[in-house]
Amino acid sequence: MQHPDSEAQDNSAKSELAYHRRIVEVEKGAFTPLVMSTVGTFGPEMTRVIQRAAGLISKRKSANYGETVAVIRQKLRFGILRSTLMALRGTRRKITVTNMTNFDFNL
C-alpha cells in the first residue's frame, strides 16, 4: 500500500508529462496539475499554489498567514465535496429553462 502523498506526487508527475508538450506547443501556455488525494492531502504543485495565494491575500488584507492557508484549504475541500455530492445525487433546485429567442446580447 502506498502513502497517499506519494500517490498524489506520482499522479501529478504523470499528468504533467502527458499534457506539458501539448500545452506548450499548441496552447502556448503552461500546465500545472492541482492534485488532491482521496484522503484530502494536496500534491506539491497545489501546495505551492495555496501558499502563494495565501501569501498574497494575507499581505493585502493584513491577515494571519496560517489562518489564510487554513481558510483556503477548507474552501477547496468543501468545494470539491459539494461538487462531488452534486454529481452523485443531483441538485435539489428546480431546473428553470431560459427562453433565449428574445434575449438581446448587445452585440
Protein backbone atom coordinates (compact mmCIF):
# COMPACT_ATOMS: atom_id res chain seq x y z
CA MET A 1 0.00 0.00 0.00
CA GLN A 2 1.30 3.39 -0.98
CA HIS A 3 1.14 6.54 1.12
CA PRO A 4 -1.48 9.00 -0.22
CA ASP A 5 1.10 11.77 -0.61
CA SER A 6 3.34 9.65 -2.82
CA GLU A 7 0.32 8.62 -4.89
CA ALA A 8 -0.57 12.27 -5.41
CA GLN A 9 3.00 13.04 -6.48
CA ASP A 10 3.02 10.12 -8.93
CA ASN A 11 -0.31 11.17 -10.46
CA SER A 12 0.85 14.78 -10.64
CA ALA A 13 4.05 13.81 -12.46
CA LYS A 14 2.14 11.61 -14.93
CA SER A 15 -0.41 14.34 -15.65
CA GLU A 16 2.26 16.95 -16.12
CA LEU A 17 4.25 14.80 -18.55
CA ALA A 18 1.16 13.84 -20.52
CA TYR A 19 -0.09 17.38 -21.08
CA HIS A 20 3.02 19.56 -20.90
CA ARG A 21 4.18 19.15 -24.51
CA ARG A 22 0.71 19.72 -25.98
CA ILE A 23 0.05 22.76 -23.82
CA VAL A 24 3.40 24.37 -24.67
CA GLU A 25 3.26 23.67 -28.42
CA VAL A 26 -0.44 24.06 -29.17
CA GLU A 27 -1.79 26.38 -26.49
CA LYS A 28 1.42 28.41 -25.99
CA GLY A 29 0.90 28.24 -22.24
CA ALA A 30 1.81 26.34 -19.10
CA PHE A 31 0.19 23.41 -17.33
CA THR A 32 0.23 22.90 -13.57
CA PRO A 33 -1.81 19.96 -12.29
CA LEU A 34 -3.51 20.67 -8.98
CA VAL A 35 -3.69 17.17 -7.50
CA MET A 36 -5.56 16.22 -4.35
CA SER A 37 -5.67 12.70 -2.90
CA THR A 38 -8.82 10.95 -1.76
CA VAL A 39 -7.88 11.47 1.90
CA GLY A 40 -7.54 15.23 1.46
CA THR A 41 -3.80 15.76 1.08
CA PHE A 42 -2.52 18.09 -1.62
CA GLY A 43 0.12 17.45 -4.26
CA PRO A 44 3.30 19.57 -4.33
CA GLU A 45 2.11 21.99 -7.05
CA MET A 46 -1.21 22.53 -5.31
CA THR A 47 0.59 23.21 -2.03
CA ARG A 48 2.72 25.87 -3.75
CA VAL A 49 -0.35 27.48 -5.32
CA ILE A 50 -2.11 27.61 -1.95
CA GLN A 51 0.98 29.06 -0.25
CA ARG A 52 1.38 31.71 -2.94
CA ALA A 53 -2.28 32.70 -2.84
CA ALA A 54 -2.26 32.78 0.97
CA GLY A 55 0.84 34.96 0.99
CA LEU A 56 -0.71 37.47 -1.40
CA ILE A 57 -4.08 37.52 0.36
CA SER A 58 -2.60 37.79 3.86
CA LYS A 59 -0.34 40.65 2.77
CA ARG A 60 -3.16 42.51 1.01
CA LYS A 61 -5.66 42.10 3.87
CA SER A 62 -3.10 42.24 6.71
CA ALA A 63 -4.31 38.83 7.92
CA ASN A 64 -2.52 35.97 9.63
CA TYR A 65 -0.77 33.76 7.03
CA GLY A 66 -1.57 30.47 8.82
CA GLU A 67 -5.24 31.30 9.15
CA THR A 68 -5.39 32.32 5.50
CA VAL A 69 -3.86 28.99 4.41
CA ALA A 70 -6.38 27.13 6.58
CA VAL A 71 -9.32 29.03 5.09
CA ILE A 72 -8.15 28.42 1.51
CA ARG A 73 -7.68 24.69 2.18
CA GLN A 74 -11.08 24.48 3.86
CA LYS A 75 -12.83 26.24 0.98
CA LEU A 76 -11.13 23.96 -1.56
CA ARG A 77 -12.05 20.80 0.32
CA PHE A 78 -15.67 21.80 0.84
CA GLY A 79 -15.97 22.99 -2.77
CA ILE A 80 -14.75 19.63 -4.03
CA LEU A 81 -17.05 17.83 -1.60
CA ARG A 82 -20.02 19.93 -2.73
CA SER A 83 -19.32 19.23 -6.42
CA THR A 84 -18.91 15.52 -5.75
CA LEU A 85 -22.23 15.38 -3.94
CA MET A 86 -23.92 17.35 -6.72
CA ALA A 87 -22.53 14.91 -9.30
CA LEU A 88 -23.73 11.90 -7.31
CA ARG A 89 -27.20 12.98 -6.24
CA GLY A 90 -28.03 15.98 -8.41
CA THR A 91 -29.40 19.30 -7.35
CA ARG A 92 -32.44 19.98 -5.20
CA ARG A 93 -33.21 23.19 -7.03
CA LYS A 94 -35.93 23.32 -9.60
CA ILE A 95 -34.48 23.50 -13.10
CA THR A 96 -35.52 26.66 -14.92
CA VAL A 97 -35.30 26.95 -18.68
CA THR A 98 -34.40 30.36 -20.07
CA ASN A 99 -36.03 31.40 -23.33
CA MET A 100 -33.10 32.57 -25.46
CA THR A 101 -35.11 33.59 -28.55
CA ASN A 102 -35.85 37.12 -27.31
CA PHE A 103 -32.56 37.65 -25.49
CA ASP A 104 -30.51 40.68 -26.59
CA PHE A 105 -26.75 40.09 -26.46
CA ASN A 106 -25.91 43.79 -27.08
CA LEU A 107 -23.58 43.00 -29.96
